[in-house]
């Protein structure tokens, strides 16, 4: 299926295309940044710094001096959320004005904005439910979906002449298709580990009634499967003479995964220190970006 408009009379300038790509990258970066700021809210125990939503208190939309540092941290994250929403709206406007526009670009931009708006309500629900771990987990996982979609949008705008198509070698196609499944398992198990351990965002927040040690082992096992798939894909890519872009994408994901695994092991061995936990969550967002980049590099590699 063609991923771009076939009207040959439409001409896009290089400057216009660069602008669209840069704005899309800004949207991607913004959605990665809010994952980090949201994590800092949790790690500083500020999850209920604003005890209600959409107001910060029953009488104020902003944090008051009486609420202290926790109120400032939580309200700052809400401000970042509004900024992310505005940036994502700008992405949509830019995509809609871009000509010729790849057919999937508008759908991706609209979907990303819709999920960003939905995230605001999920975040509000988590506050109203006093940081229920299942809602917090959904909040994180939706962010990963947003980041994946934003990464695809960047690729669609950057390579409008590419179209969907499975890799020529069936083995590579299966390996690459298995990576998102394995990554999803890693992320879901990671949220269960988080929801069963400390750093709940508030001392009184409910936790999953699960064994953190057993969940951590399952999470580690899923990471090993994810790494094994990547190593197999890397070998296959090198043996079949894949493009340099595909090789770079495979190496990038493997490198990011190894770093993330090392950070995860270190944080577990050291008793979950706050700085390492923050870096690990940020790493999950970057890993999602790298995995999506590999997938679209492999599956959008056909010339129009």
C-alpha atoms as a PDB file:
ATOM      1  CA  UNK A   1       0.000   0.000   0.000  1.00  0.00           C
ATOM      2  CA  UNK A   2       1.379   3.396  -0.937  1.00  0.00           C
ATOM      3  CA  UNK A   3       2.194   5.640   2.008  1.00  0.00           C
ATOM      4  CA  UNK A   4       2.165   8.907   0.121  1.00  0.00           C
ATOM      5  CA  UNK A   5      -0.178  10.794  -2.165  1.00  0.00           C
ATOM      6  CA  UNK A   6       0.130   9.941  -5.813  1.00  0.00           C
ATOM      7  CA  UNK A   7      -0.712  13.398  -7.199  1.00  0.00           C
ATOM      8  CA  UNK A   8       2.492  14.241  -9.051  1.00  0.00           C
ATOM      9  CA  UNK A   9       1.510  17.925  -9.284  1.00  0.00           C
ATOM     10  CA  UNK A  10       1.984  18.368  -5.531  1.00  0.00           C
ATOM     11  CA  UNK A  11       5.492  19.528  -4.751  1.00  0.00           C
ATOM     12  CA  UNK A  12       6.897  19.881  -1.273  1.00  0.00           C
ATOM     13  CA  UNK A  13       9.957  22.005  -0.628  1.00  0.00           C
ATOM     14  CA  UNK A  14      12.886  20.549   1.301  1.00  0.00           C
ATOM     15  CA  UNK A  15      12.460  23.336   3.865  1.00  0.00           C
ATOM     16  CA  UNK A  16       8.802  22.434   4.369  1.00  0.00           C
ATOM     17  CA  UNK A  17       9.624  18.795   4.868  1.00  0.00           C
ATOM     18  CA  UNK A  18      12.409  19.612   7.322  1.00  0.00           C
ATOM     19  CA  UNK A  19      10.033  21.799   9.314  1.00  0.00           C
ATOM     20  CA  UNK A  20       7.425  19.049   9.520  1.00  0.00           C
ATOM     21  CA  UNK A  21      10.026  16.511  10.637  1.00  0.00           C
ATOM     22  CA  UNK A  22      11.475  18.865  13.254  1.00  0.00           C
ATOM     23  CA  UNK A  23       8.071  19.645  14.731  1.00  0.00           C
ATOM     24  CA  UNK A  24       7.275  15.916  14.856  1.00  0.00           C
ATOM     25  CA  UNK A  25      10.585  15.271  16.627  1.00  0.00           C
ATOM     26  CA  UNK A  26       9.713  18.025  19.127  1.00  0.00           C
ATOM     27  CA  UNK A  27       6.432  16.221  19.811  1.00  0.00           C
ATOM     28  CA  UNK A  28       8.274  12.956  20.357  1.00  0.00           C
ATOM     29  CA  UNK A  29      10.790  14.568  22.719  1.00  0.00           C
ATOM     30  CA  UNK A  30       8.005  16.274  24.679  1.00  0.00           C
ATOM     31  CA  UNK A  31       6.243  12.974  25.250  1.00  0.00           C
ATOM     32  CA  UNK A  32       9.479  11.382  26.449  1.00  0.00           C
ATOM     33  CA  UNK A  33      10.144  14.307  28.806  1.00  0.00           C
ATOM     34  CA  UNK A  34       6.766  14.015  30.517  1.00  0.00           C
ATOM     35  CA  UNK A  35       7.481  10.362  31.276  1.00  0.00           C
ATOM     36  CA  UNK A  36      10.519  11.554  33.234  1.00  0.00           C
ATOM     37  CA  UNK A  37       8.657  14.373  35.028  1.00  0.00           C
ATOM     38  CA  UNK A  38       5.840  11.995  35.927  1.00  0.00           C
ATOM     39  CA  UNK A  39       8.398   9.577  37.322  1.00  0.00           C
ATOM     40  CA  UNK A  40       9.921  12.338  39.444  1.00  0.00           C
ATOM     41  CA  UNK A  41       6.466  13.052  40.874  1.00  0.00           C
ATOM     42  CA  UNK A  42       6.227   9.442  41.985  1.00  0.00           C
ATOM     43  CA  UNK A  43       9.792   9.177  43.251  1.00  0.00           C
ATOM     44  CA  UNK A  44       9.511  12.343  45.374  1.00  0.00           C
ATOM     45  CA  UNK A  45       6.292  11.087  46.971  1.00  0.00           C
ATOM     46  CA  UNK A  46       4.363  13.947  45.353  1.00  0.00           C
ATOM     47  CA  UNK A  47       1.687  11.912  43.606  1.00  0.00           C
ATOM     48  CA  UNK A  48      -1.015  13.445  45.795  1.00  0.00           C
ATOM     49  CA  UNK A  49       0.700  16.816  46.101  1.00  0.00           C
ATOM     50  CA  UNK A  50      -2.447  18.104  44.421  1.00  0.00           C
ATOM     51  CA  UNK A  51      -5.022  15.903  46.138  1.00  0.00           C
ATOM     52  CA  UNK A  52      -7.747  16.360  43.540  1.00  0.00           C
ATOM     53  CA  UNK A  53      -8.243  16.909  39.799  1.00  0.00           C
ATOM     54  CA  UNK A  54      -8.707  18.940  37.627  1.00  0.00           C
ATOM     55  CA  UNK A  55      -8.210  21.492  40.399  1.00  0.00           C
ATOM     56  CA  UNK A  56      -5.113  21.271  42.568  1.00  0.00           C
ATOM     57  CA  UNK A  57      -7.287  21.801  45.660  1.00  0.00           C
ATOM     58  CA  UNK A  58     -11.032  22.197  46.104  1.00  0.00           C
ATOM     59  CA  UNK A  59     -10.575  25.970  45.889  1.00  0.00           C
ATOM     60  CA  UNK A  60      -7.572  26.446  43.603  1.00  0.00           C
ATOM     61  CA  UNK A  61      -6.302  25.268  40.227  1.00  0.00           C
ATOM     62  CA  UNK A  62      -2.709  25.977  41.316  1.00  0.00           C
ATOM     63  CA  UNK A  63      -0.609  24.756  44.216  1.00  0.00           C
ATOM     64  CA  UNK A  64      -0.726  26.886  47.363  1.00  0.00           C
ATOM     65  CA  UNK A  65       2.211  27.649  49.689  1.00  0.00           C
ATOM     66  CA  UNK A  66       0.653  25.472  52.390  1.00  0.00           C
ATOM     67  CA  UNK A  67       1.049  22.411  50.135  1.00  0.00           C
ATOM     68  CA  UNK A  68       4.838  22.651  50.227  1.00  0.00           C
ATOM     69  CA  UNK A  69       7.249  20.965  47.834  1.00  0.00           C
ATOM     70  CA  UNK A  70       4.916  18.082  46.974  1.00  0.00           C
ATOM     71  CA  UNK A  71       2.294  20.499  45.711  1.00  0.00           C
ATOM     72  CA  UNK A  72       4.867  22.341  43.600  1.00  0.00           C
ATOM     73  CA  UNK A  73       6.181  19.123  42.051  1.00  0.00           C
ATOM     74  CA  UNK A  74       2.754  17.725  41.186  1.00  0.00           C
ATOM     75  CA  UNK A  75       1.460  21.040  39.830  1.00  0.00           C
ATOM     76  CA  UNK A  76       4.633  21.482  37.746  1.00  0.00           C
ATOM     77  CA  UNK A  77       4.008  18.103  36.145  1.00  0.00           C
ATOM     78  CA  UNK A  78       0.477  19.201  35.261  1.00  0.00           C
ATOM     79  CA  UNK A  79       1.885  22.314  33.606  1.00  0.00           C
ATOM     80  CA  UNK A  80       4.290  20.123  31.629  1.00  0.00           C
ATOM     81  CA  UNK A  81       1.303  18.004  30.595  1.00  0.00           C
ATOM     82  CA  UNK A  82      -0.464  21.069  29.217  1.00  0.00           C
ATOM     83  CA  UNK A  83       2.701  22.049  27.332  1.00  0.00           C
ATOM     84  CA  UNK A  84       2.946  18.554  25.848  1.00  0.00           C
ATOM     85  CA  UNK A  85      -0.659  18.798  24.717  1.00  0.00           C
ATOM     86  CA  UNK A  86      -0.014  22.128  23.000  1.00  0.00           C
ATOM     87  CA  UNK A  87       3.124  20.813  21.292  1.00  0.00           C
ATOM     88  CA  UNK A  88       1.224  17.739  20.094  1.00  0.00           C
ATOM     89  CA  UNK A  89      -1.524  20.023  18.765  1.00  0.00           C
ATOM     90  CA  UNK A  90       1.143  21.979  16.895  1.00  0.00           C
ATOM     91  CA  UNK A  91       2.358  18.710  15.396  1.00  0.00           C
ATOM     92  CA  UNK A  92      -1.149  18.000  14.101  1.00  0.00           C
ATOM     93  CA  UNK A  93      -1.528  21.495  12.632  1.00  0.00           C
ATOM     94  CA  UNK A  94       1.861  21.209  10.932  1.00  0.00           C
ATOM     95  CA  UNK A  95       1.030  17.792   9.496  1.00  0.00           C
ATOM     96  CA  UNK A  96      -2.336  18.990   8.166  1.00  0.00           C
ATOM     97  CA  UNK A  97      -0.663  21.946   6.439  1.00  0.00           C
ATOM     98  CA  UNK A  98       2.112  19.781   4.994  1.00  0.00           C
ATOM     99  CA  UNK A  99       1.766  19.101   1.236  1.00  0.00           C
ATOM    100  CA  UNK A 100       1.925  16.542  -0.183  1.00  0.00           C
ATOM    101  CA  UNK A 101       1.007  14.799   3.027  1.00  0.00           C
ATOM    102  CA  UNK A 102       1.707  11.083   3.512  1.00  0.00           C
ATOM    103  CA  UNK A 103      -1.664   9.404   3.920  1.00  0.00           C
ATOM    104  CA  UNK A 104      -0.902   7.899   7.315  1.00  0.00           C
ATOM    105  CA  UNK A 105       0.582  11.114   8.768  1.00  0.00           C
ATOM    106  CA  UNK A 106      -2.723  12.799   9.624  1.00  0.00           C
ATOM    107  CA  UNK A 107      -4.113   9.663  11.275  1.00  0.00           C
ATOM    108  CA  UNK A 108      -0.948   9.270  13.333  1.00  0.00           C
ATOM    109  CA  UNK A 109      -0.978  12.921  14.421  1.00  0.00           C
ATOM    110  CA  UNK A 110      -4.683  12.822  15.321  1.00  0.00           C
ATOM    111  CA  UNK A 111      -4.259   9.551  17.202  1.00  0.00           C
ATOM    112  CA  UNK A 112      -1.274  10.864  19.138  1.00  0.00           C
ATOM    113  CA  UNK A 113      -3.120  14.017  20.174  1.00  0.00           C
ATOM    114  CA  UNK A 114      -6.176  11.994  21.204  1.00  0.00           C
ATOM    115  CA  UNK A 115      -4.041   9.752  23.407  1.00  0.00           C
ATOM    116  CA  UNK A 116      -2.249  12.737  24.949  1.00  0.00           C
ATOM    117  CA  UNK A 117      -5.631  14.237  25.863  1.00  0.00           C
ATOM    118  CA  UNK A 118      -6.772  10.876  27.218  1.00  0.00           C
ATOM    119  CA  UNK A 119      -3.612  10.739  29.322  1.00  0.00           C
ATOM    120  CA  UNK A 120      -4.710  13.864  31.136  1.00  0.00           C
ATOM    121  CA  UNK A 121      -7.917  12.121  32.197  1.00  0.00           C
ATOM    122  CA  UNK A 122      -6.072   8.927  33.162  1.00  0.00           C
ATOM    123  CA  UNK A 123      -3.677  10.988  35.272  1.00  0.00           C
ATOM    124  CA  UNK A 124      -6.612  12.745  36.896  1.00  0.00           C
ATOM    125  CA  UNK A 125      -8.281   9.416  37.585  1.00  0.00           C
ATOM    126  CA  UNK A 126      -5.108   8.122  39.229  1.00  0.00           C
ATOM    127  CA  UNK A 127      -5.185  11.098  41.605  1.00  0.00           C
ATOM    128  CA  UNK A 128      -8.887  10.677  42.360  1.00  0.00           C
ATOM    129  CA  UNK A 129      -8.271   6.955  43.021  1.00  0.00           C
ATOM    130  CA  UNK A 130      -5.329   7.789  45.310  1.00  0.00           C
ATOM    131  CA  UNK A 131      -2.674   6.369  42.968  1.00  0.00           C
ATOM    132  CA  UNK A 132      -4.250   2.959  42.466  1.00  0.00           C
ATOM    133  CA  UNK A 133      -1.388   0.893  40.967  1.00  0.00           C
ATOM    134  CA  UNK A 134      -3.423  -0.473  38.063  1.00  0.00           C
ATOM    135  CA  UNK A 135      -4.325   3.042  36.916  1.00  0.00           C
ATOM    136  CA  UNK A 136      -0.742   4.241  37.310  1.00  0.00           C
ATOM    137  CA  UNK A 137       0.396   1.247  35.234  1.00  0.00           C
ATOM    138  CA  UNK A 138      -2.074   2.099  32.467  1.00  0.00           C
ATOM    139  CA  UNK A 139      -0.889   5.724  32.607  1.00  0.00           C
ATOM    140  CA  UNK A 140       2.681   4.595  31.926  1.00  0.00           C
ATOM    141  CA  UNK A 141       1.778   2.078  29.222  1.00  0.00           C
ATOM    142  CA  UNK A 142      -0.300   4.620  27.298  1.00  0.00           C
ATOM    143  CA  UNK A 143       2.745   6.892  27.296  1.00  0.00           C
ATOM    144  CA  UNK A 144       4.729   4.112  25.643  1.00  0.00           C
ATOM    145  CA  UNK A 145       2.036   3.798  22.958  1.00  0.00           C
ATOM    146  CA  UNK A 146       2.181   7.553  22.377  1.00  0.00           C
ATOM    147  CA  UNK A 147       5.963   7.449  22.041  1.00  0.00           C
ATOM    148  CA  UNK A 148       5.745   4.573  19.575  1.00  0.00           C
ATOM    149  CA  UNK A 149       3.165   6.423  17.486  1.00  0.00           C
ATOM    150  CA  UNK A 150       5.193   9.641  17.537  1.00  0.00           C
ATOM    151  CA  UNK A 151       8.266   7.691  16.382  1.00  0.00           C
ATOM    152  CA  UNK A 152       6.326   6.231  13.460  1.00  0.00           C
ATOM    153  CA  UNK A 153       5.087   9.712  12.537  1.00  0.00           C
ATOM    154  CA  UNK A 154       8.648  11.040  12.415  1.00  0.00           C
ATOM    155  CA  UNK A 155       9.626   8.204  10.076  1.00  0.00           C
ATOM    156  CA  UNK A 156       6.587   8.715   7.819  1.00  0.00           C
ATOM    157  CA  UNK A 157       7.384  12.410   7.431  1.00  0.00           C
ATOM    158  CA  UNK A 158      11.120  11.838   7.052  1.00  0.00           C
ATOM    159  CA  UNK A 159      10.718   9.107   4.404  1.00  0.00           C
ATOM    160  CA  UNK A 160       7.491   9.901   2.535  1.00  0.00           C
ATOM    161  CA  UNK A 161       8.579   7.738  -0.407  1.00  0.00           C
ATOM    162  CA  UNK A 162       8.762   4.550   1.647  1.00  0.00           C
ATOM    163  CA  UNK A 163       5.848   2.150   1.748  1.00  0.00           C
ATOM    164  CA  UNK A 164       4.797  -0.759   3.886  1.00  0.00           C
ATOM    165  CA  UNK A 165       6.290  -4.117   3.049  1.00  0.00           C
ATOM    166  CA  UNK A 166       7.670  -7.081   4.943  1.00  0.00           C
ATOM    167  CA  UNK A 167      11.440  -7.664   4.848  1.00  0.00           C
ATOM    168  CA  UNK A 168      12.455  -9.908   1.966  1.00  0.00           C
ATOM    169  CA  UNK A 169      13.832 -12.568   4.291  1.00  0.00           C
ATOM    170  CA  UNK A 170      11.028 -14.283   6.176  1.00  0.00           C
ATOM    171  CA  UNK A 171      13.236 -15.058   9.182  1.00  0.00           C
ATOM    172  CA  UNK A 172      14.017 -11.369   9.699  1.00  0.00           C
ATOM    173  CA  UNK A 173      10.341 -10.504   9.283  1.00  0.00           C
ATOM    174  CA  UNK A 174       9.348 -12.920  12.051  1.00  0.00           C
ATOM    175  CA  UNK A 175      12.123 -11.761  14.373  1.00  0.00           C
ATOM    176  CA  UNK A 176      11.302  -8.088  13.930  1.00  0.00           C
ATOM    177  CA  UNK A 177       7.566  -8.750  14.313  1.00  0.00           C
ATOM    178  CA  UNK A 178       8.261 -10.588  17.584  1.00  0.00           C
ATOM    179  CA  UNK A 179      10.173  -7.667  19.086  1.00  0.00           C
ATOM    180  CA  UNK A 180       7.127  -5.467  19.895  1.00  0.00           C
ATOM    181  CA  UNK A 181       5.441  -8.465  21.528  1.00  0.00           C
ATOM    182  CA  UNK A 182       8.496  -9.155  23.684  1.00  0.00           C
ATOM    183  CA  UNK A 183       8.884  -5.475  24.549  1.00  0.00           C
ATOM    184  CA  UNK A 184       5.220  -5.283  25.577  1.00  0.00           C
ATOM    185  CA  UNK A 185       5.762  -8.202  27.960  1.00  0.00           C
ATOM    186  CA  UNK A 186       8.836  -6.473  29.403  1.00  0.00           C
ATOM    187  CA  UNK A 187       6.958  -3.206  29.945  1.00  0.00           C
ATOM    188  CA  UNK A 188       3.836  -4.791  31.439  1.00  0.00           C
ATOM    189  CA  UNK A 189       5.878  -6.897  33.853  1.00  0.00           C
ATOM    190  CA  UNK A 190       7.884  -3.789  34.713  1.00  0.00           C
ATOM    191  CA  UNK A 191       4.707  -1.961  35.736  1.00  0.00           C
ATOM    192  CA  UNK A 192       3.713  -4.921  37.927  1.00  0.00           C
ATOM    193  CA  UNK A 193       7.116  -4.841  39.612  1.00  0.00           C
ATOM    194  CA  UNK A 194       6.771  -1.098  40.172  1.00  0.00           C
ATOM    195  CA  UNK A 195       3.228  -1.459  41.478  1.00  0.00           C
ATOM    196  CA  UNK A 196       4.374  -4.065  44.000  1.00  0.00           C
ATOM    197  CA  UNK A 197       7.404  -2.213  45.342  1.00  0.00           C
ATOM    198  CA  UNK A 198       8.267   1.101  46.978  1.00  0.00           C
ATOM    199  CA  UNK A 199       8.144   4.576  45.387  1.00  0.00           C
ATOM    200  CA  UNK A 200       4.364   4.527  45.108  1.00  0.00           C
ATOM    201  CA  UNK A 201       4.049   8.301  44.889  1.00  0.00           C
ATOM    202  CA  UNK A 202       2.497   8.562  48.350  1.00  0.00           C
ATOM    203  CA  UNK A 203       3.053   6.692  51.608  1.00  0.00           C
ATOM    204  CA  UNK A 204      -0.596   5.650  51.824  1.00  0.00           C
ATOM    205  CA  UNK A 205      -0.959   4.455  48.223  1.00  0.00           C
ATOM    206  CA  UNK A 206      -2.180   0.909  47.724  1.00  0.00           C
ATOM    207  CA  UNK A 207       0.222  -1.657  46.236  1.00  0.00           C
ATOM    208  CA  UNK A 208      -0.354  -4.825  44.221  1.00  0.00           C
ATOM    209  CA  UNK A 209      -0.568  -7.838  46.516  1.00  0.00           C
ATOM    210  CA  UNK A 210       2.159  -9.646  44.573  1.00  0.00           C
ATOM    211  CA  UNK A 211       5.660 -10.890  45.317  1.00  0.00           C
ATOM    212  CA  UNK A 212       8.113  -8.218  44.085  1.00  0.00           C
ATOM    213  CA  UNK A 213      11.033 -10.674  43.974  1.00  0.00           C
ATOM    214  CA  UNK A 214       9.134 -13.208  41.846  1.00  0.00           C
ATOM    215  CA  UNK A 215       7.879 -10.474  39.526  1.00  0.00           C
ATOM    216  CA  UNK A 216      11.385  -9.076  39.192  1.00  0.00           C
ATOM    217  CA  UNK A 217      12.608 -12.507  38.089  1.00  0.00           C
ATOM    218  CA  UNK A 218       9.809 -12.753  35.495  1.00  0.00           C
ATOM    219  CA  UNK A 219      10.659  -9.275  34.292  1.00  0.00           C
ATOM    220  CA  UNK A 220      14.336 -10.253  33.976  1.00  0.00           C
ATOM    221  CA  UNK A 221      13.384 -13.407  32.063  1.00  0.00           C
ATOM    222  CA  UNK A 222      11.327 -11.360  29.621  1.00  0.00           C
ATOM    223  CA  UNK A 223      14.294  -9.023  29.138  1.00  0.00           C
ATOM    224  CA  UNK A 224      16.506 -12.011  28.285  1.00  0.00           C
ATOM    225  CA  UNK A 225      14.011 -13.174  25.655  1.00  0.00           C
ATOM    226  CA  UNK A 226      13.879  -9.637  24.250  1.00  0.00           C
ATOM    227  CA  UNK A 227      17.683  -9.520  24.062  1.00  0.00           C
ATOM    228  CA  UNK A 228      17.883 -12.968  22.450  1.00  0.00           C
ATOM    229  CA  UNK A 229      15.482 -11.868  19.706  1.00  0.00           C
ATOM    230  CA  UNK A 230      17.587  -8.790  19.069  1.00  0.00           C
ATOM    231  CA  UNK A 231      20.829 -10.751  18.836  1.00  0.00           C
ATOM    232  CA  UNK A 232      19.198 -13.182  16.413  1.00  0.00           C
ATOM    233  CA  UNK A 233      17.913 -10.263  14.351  1.00  0.00           C
ATOM    234  CA  UNK A 234      21.342  -8.649  14.344  1.00  0.00           C
ATOM    235  CA  UNK A 235      23.002 -11.827  13.081  1.00  0.00           C
ATOM    236  CA  UNK A 236      20.316 -12.249  10.423  1.00  0.00           C
ATOM    237  CA  UNK A 237      20.616  -8.647   9.280  1.00  0.00           C
ATOM    238  CA  UNK A 238      24.384  -8.950   8.872  1.00  0.00           C
ATOM    239  CA  UNK A 239      24.194 -12.311   7.124  1.00  0.00           C
ATOM    240  CA  UNK A 240      21.572 -11.229   4.577  1.00  0.00           C
ATOM    241  CA  UNK A 241      23.229  -7.996   3.510  1.00  0.00           C
ATOM    242  CA  UNK A 242      20.580  -5.642   4.843  1.00  0.00           C
ATOM    243  CA  UNK A 243      20.854  -1.906   4.321  1.00  0.00           C
ATOM    244  CA  UNK A 244      23.134   0.220   6.481  1.00  0.00           C
ATOM    245  CA  UNK A 245      20.075   1.950   7.984  1.00  0.00           C
ATOM    246  CA  UNK A 246      18.673  -1.417   9.084  1.00  0.00           C
ATOM    247  CA  UNK A 247      21.992  -2.445  10.581  1.00  0.00           C
ATOM    248  CA  UNK A 248      22.281   0.833  12.489  1.00  0.00           C
ATOM    249  CA  UNK A 249      18.729   0.514  13.806  1.00  0.00           C
ATOM    250  CA  UNK A 250      19.391  -3.034  15.005  1.00  0.00           C
ATOM    251  CA  UNK A 251      22.619  -2.012  16.729  1.00  0.00           C
ATOM    252  CA  UNK A 252      20.951   1.018  18.295  1.00  0.00           C
ATOM    253  CA  UNK A 253      18.206  -1.089  19.842  1.00  0.00           C
ATOM    254  CA  UNK A 254      20.619  -3.740  21.107  1.00  0.00           C
ATOM    255  CA  UNK A 255      22.903  -1.110  22.628  1.00  0.00           C
ATOM    256  CA  UNK A 256      19.991   0.661  24.318  1.00  0.00           C
ATOM    257  CA  UNK A 257      18.663  -2.660  25.619  1.00  0.00           C
ATOM    258  CA  UNK A 258      22.003  -3.684  27.100  1.00  0.00           C
ATOM    259  CA  UNK A 259      22.364  -0.331  28.868  1.00  0.00           C
ATOM    260  CA  UNK A 260      18.793  -0.547  30.144  1.00  0.00           C
ATOM    261  CA  UNK A 261      19.343  -4.100  31.397  1.00  0.00           C
ATOM    262  CA  UNK A 262      22.494  -3.023  33.235  1.00  0.00           C
ATOM    263  CA  UNK A 263      20.659  -0.127  34.876  1.00  0.00           C
ATOM    264  CA  UNK A 264      17.803  -2.417  35.858  1.00  0.00           C
ATOM    265  CA  UNK A 265      20.146  -4.915  37.477  1.00  0.00           C
ATOM    266  CA  UNK A 266      22.046  -2.149  39.275  1.00  0.00           C
ATOM    267  CA  UNK A 267      18.898  -0.555  40.693  1.00  0.00           C
ATOM    268  CA  UNK A 268      17.662  -3.931  41.948  1.00  0.00           C
ATOM    269  CA  UNK A 269      21.034  -4.810  43.519  1.00  0.00           C
ATOM    270  CA  UNK A 270      21.340  -1.396  45.179  1.00  0.00           C
ATOM    271  CA  UNK A 271      17.843  -1.376  46.672  1.00  0.00           C
ATOM    272  CA  UNK A 272      16.087   0.865  44.131  1.00  0.00           C
ATOM    273  CA  UNK A 273      17.866   4.214  44.641  1.00  0.00           C
ATOM    274  CA  UNK A 274      15.780   7.086  43.307  1.00  0.00           C
ATOM    275  CA  UNK A 275      18.256   8.352  40.646  1.00  0.00           C
ATOM    276  CA  UNK A 276      18.643   4.899  39.069  1.00  0.00           C
ATOM    277  CA  UNK A 277      14.902   4.288  39.086  1.00  0.00           C
ATOM    278  CA  UNK A 278      14.359   7.595  37.284  1.00  0.00           C
ATOM    279  CA  UNK A 279      16.992   6.738  34.678  1.00  0.00           C
ATOM    280  CA  UNK A 280      15.487   3.275  34.234  1.00  0.00           C
ATOM    281  CA  UNK A 281      12.008   4.653  33.522  1.00  0.00           C
ATOM    282  CA  UNK A 282      13.467   7.179  31.093  1.00  0.00           C
ATOM    283  CA  UNK A 283      15.350   4.274  29.522  1.00  0.00           C
ATOM    284  CA  UNK A 284      12.063   2.426  28.984  1.00  0.00           C
ATOM    285  CA  UNK A 285      10.756   5.369  26.971  1.00  0.00           C
ATOM    286  CA  UNK A 286      13.944   5.564  24.893  1.00  0.00           C
ATOM    287  CA  UNK A 287      13.909   1.783  24.415  1.00  0.00           C
ATOM    288  CA  UNK A 288      10.354   1.986  23.091  1.00  0.00           C
ATOM    289  CA  UNK A 289      11.493   4.663  20.671  1.00  0.00           C
ATOM    290  CA  UNK A 290      14.470   2.575  19.500  1.00  0.00           C
ATOM    291  CA  UNK A 291      12.365  -0.581  19.068  1.00  0.00           C
ATOM    292  CA  UNK A 292       9.766   1.304  17.050  1.00  0.00           C
ATOM    293  CA  UNK A 293      12.498   2.879  14.942  1.00  0.00           C
ATOM    294  CA  UNK A 294      13.863  -0.564  14.108  1.00  0.00           C
ATOM    295  CA  UNK A 295      10.397  -1.858  13.247  1.00  0.00           C
ATOM    296  CA  UNK A 296       9.567   0.983  10.840  1.00  0.00           C
ATOM    297  CA  UNK A 297      13.053   0.866   9.324  1.00  0.00           C
ATOM    298  CA  UNK A 298      12.496  -2.802   8.509  1.00  0.00           C
ATOM    299  CA  UNK A 299       8.820  -2.633   7.476  1.00  0.00           C
ATOM    300  CA  UNK A 300       8.860   0.686   5.592  1.00  0.00           C
ATOM    301  CA  UNK A 301      11.861   0.006   3.381  1.00  0.00           C
ATOM    302  CA  UNK A 302      10.187  -0.370   0.002  1.00  0.00           C
ATOM    303  CA  UNK A 303      10.570   2.380  -2.568  1.00  0.00           C
ATOM    304  CA  UNK A 304       7.350   3.840  -3.889  1.00  0.00           C
END
